[in-house]
Amino acid sequence: MIGTLAAVLTTAAWLPQLLRAWRERSAGDLSWLYLGTMTAGLASWLVYGTSRHDAALLGANAVSLVLVLALSAVKVVTDRRRT
């Protein structure tokens, strides 16, 4: 139960950042190194969760990965507009 709560909270933590970036049409304050490192980390957790057959790890990290990729997409679009 604690693991599921932790998974829900850490996954939900991405929503405010994504909504802010979408609303402001800017993700310029996020570095590509950060987004790349986070993406690699989440993908690694997915591999680990798969090997452990752990639904909480799989679910939380799959959703988090989708949110980080969406945030990266906002950054791509807004970075292109600036140049």
C-alpha atoms as a PDB file:
ATOM      1  CA  MET A   1       0.000   0.000   0.000  1.00  0.00           C
ATOM      2  CA  ILE A   2       2.810   2.409   0.837  1.00  0.00           C
ATOM      3  CA  GLY A   3       4.558   1.585  -2.445  1.00  0.00           C
ATOM      4  CA  THR A   4       1.394   2.283  -4.411  1.00  0.00           C
ATOM      5  CA  LEU A   5       0.873   5.590  -2.597  1.00  0.00           C
ATOM      6  CA  ALA A   6       4.477   6.562  -3.319  1.00  0.00           C
ATOM      7  CA  ALA A   7       4.040   5.614  -6.979  1.00  0.00           C
ATOM      8  CA  VAL A   8       0.859   7.688  -7.305  1.00  0.00           C
ATOM      9  CA  LEU A   9       2.401  10.741  -5.613  1.00  0.00           C
ATOM     10  CA  THR A  10       5.665  10.737  -7.556  1.00  0.00           C
ATOM     11  CA  THR A  11       3.832  10.192 -10.836  1.00  0.00           C
ATOM     12  CA  ALA A  12       1.276  12.911 -10.102  1.00  0.00           C
ATOM     13  CA  ALA A  13       4.114  15.319  -9.321  1.00  0.00           C
ATOM     14  CA  TRP A  14       4.760  15.614 -13.075  1.00  0.00           C
ATOM     15  CA  LEU A  15       1.306  16.976 -13.850  1.00  0.00           C
ATOM     16  CA  PRO A  16       1.793  20.510 -12.452  1.00  0.00           C
ATOM     17  CA  GLN A  17       5.031  20.943 -14.404  1.00  0.00           C
ATOM     18  CA  LEU A  18       3.471  19.684 -17.612  1.00  0.00           C
ATOM     19  CA  LEU A  19       0.390  21.871 -17.174  1.00  0.00           C
ATOM     20  CA  ARG A  20       2.543  24.923 -16.432  1.00  0.00           C
ATOM     21  CA  ALA A  21       4.703  24.331 -19.491  1.00  0.00           C
ATOM     22  CA  TRP A  22       1.594  23.851 -21.645  1.00  0.00           C
ATOM     23  CA  ARG A  23      -0.159  26.934 -20.263  1.00  0.00           C
ATOM     24  CA  GLU A  24       2.882  29.185 -20.583  1.00  0.00           C
ATOM     25  CA  ARG A  25       3.902  27.600 -23.892  1.00  0.00           C
ATOM     26  CA  SER A  26       7.420  27.305 -22.558  1.00  0.00           C
ATOM     27  CA  ALA A  27       9.599  24.641 -21.014  1.00  0.00           C
ATOM     28  CA  GLY A  28      12.773  26.680 -21.370  1.00  0.00           C
ATOM     29  CA  ASP A  29      13.585  26.386 -17.692  1.00  0.00           C
ATOM     30  CA  LEU A  30      14.045  22.619 -18.050  1.00  0.00           C
ATOM     31  CA  SER A  31      17.387  21.372 -19.311  1.00  0.00           C
ATOM     32  CA  TRP A  32      17.716  18.697 -21.957  1.00  0.00           C
ATOM     33  CA  LEU A  33      20.221  16.895 -19.727  1.00  0.00           C
ATOM     34  CA  TYR A  34      17.622  16.697 -16.968  1.00  0.00           C
ATOM     35  CA  LEU A  35      14.899  15.440 -19.297  1.00  0.00           C
ATOM     36  CA  GLY A  36      17.236  12.907 -20.917  1.00  0.00           C
ATOM     37  CA  THR A  37      18.517  11.615 -17.603  1.00  0.00           C
ATOM     38  CA  MET A  38      14.990  11.327 -16.225  1.00  0.00           C
ATOM     39  CA  THR A  39      13.816   9.509 -19.359  1.00  0.00           C
ATOM     40  CA  ALA A  40      16.699   7.024 -19.104  1.00  0.00           C
ATOM     41  CA  GLY A  41      16.003   6.498 -15.404  1.00  0.00           C
ATOM     42  CA  LEU A  42      12.300   5.889 -15.946  1.00  0.00           C
ATOM     43  CA  ALA A  43      13.022   3.480 -18.807  1.00  0.00           C
ATOM     44  CA  SER A  44      15.434   1.622 -16.518  1.00  0.00           C
ATOM     45  CA  TRP A  45      12.754   1.389 -13.807  1.00  0.00           C
ATOM     46  CA  LEU A  46      10.384  -0.043 -16.417  1.00  0.00           C
ATOM     47  CA  VAL A  47      12.898  -2.757 -17.294  1.00  0.00           C
ATOM     48  CA  TYR A  48      13.420  -3.507 -13.605  1.00  0.00           C
ATOM     49  CA  GLY A  49       9.666  -3.540 -12.917  1.00  0.00           C
ATOM     50  CA  THR A  50       9.176  -5.923 -15.810  1.00  0.00           C
ATOM     51  CA  SER A  51      11.816  -8.301 -14.461  1.00  0.00           C
ATOM     52  CA  ARG A  52      10.195  -8.187 -11.000  1.00  0.00           C
ATOM     53  CA  HIS A  53       6.619  -8.395 -12.318  1.00  0.00           C
ATOM     54  CA  ASP A  54       5.838  -5.401 -10.110  1.00  0.00           C
ATOM     55  CA  ALA A  55       2.623  -3.637 -11.159  1.00  0.00           C
ATOM     56  CA  ALA A  56       3.289  -0.528  -9.050  1.00  0.00           C
ATOM     57  CA  LEU A  57       6.729  -0.012 -10.612  1.00  0.00           C
ATOM     58  CA  LEU A  58       5.432  -0.654 -14.097  1.00  0.00           C
ATOM     59  CA  GLY A  59       2.359   1.535 -13.839  1.00  0.00           C
ATOM     60  CA  ALA A  60       3.956   4.509 -12.135  1.00  0.00           C
ATOM     61  CA  ASN A  61       7.025   4.587 -14.318  1.00  0.00           C
ATOM     62  CA  ALA A  62       5.115   4.034 -17.559  1.00  0.00           C
ATOM     63  CA  VAL A  63       2.821   6.974 -16.790  1.00  0.00           C
ATOM     64  CA  SER A  64       5.757   9.097 -15.606  1.00  0.00           C
ATOM     65  CA  LEU A  65       7.648   8.303 -18.804  1.00  0.00           C
ATOM     66  CA  VAL A  66       4.675   9.395 -20.918  1.00  0.00           C
ATOM     67  CA  LEU A  67       4.437  12.656 -18.936  1.00  0.00           C
ATOM     68  CA  VAL A  68       8.170  13.371 -19.261  1.00  0.00           C
ATOM     69  CA  LEU A  69       8.023  12.657 -22.990  1.00  0.00           C
ATOM     70  CA  ALA A  70       5.043  15.022 -23.289  1.00  0.00           C
ATOM     71  CA  LEU A  71       7.020  17.673 -21.409  1.00  0.00           C
ATOM     72  CA  SER A  72       9.930  17.082 -23.788  1.00  0.00           C
ATOM     73  CA  ALA A  73       7.582  17.533 -26.752  1.00  0.00           C
ATOM     74  CA  VAL A  74       6.424  20.882 -25.340  1.00  0.00           C
ATOM     75  CA  LYS A  75      10.075  21.855 -24.969  1.00  0.00           C
ATOM     76  CA  VAL A  76      10.863  20.901 -28.579  1.00  0.00           C
ATOM     77  CA  VAL A  77       7.990  22.993 -29.898  1.00  0.00           C
ATOM     78  CA  THR A  78       8.717  26.003 -27.706  1.00  0.00           C
ATOM     79  CA  ASP A  79      12.482  25.865 -28.346  1.00  0.00           C
ATOM     80  CA  ARG A  80      11.821  25.896 -32.097  1.00  0.00           C
ATOM     81  CA  ARG A  81       9.589  28.944 -31.758  1.00  0.00           C
ATOM     82  CA  ARG A  82      12.351  30.851 -29.989  1.00  0.00           C
ATOM     83  CA  THR A  83      14.878  30.312 -32.765  1.00  0.00           C
END
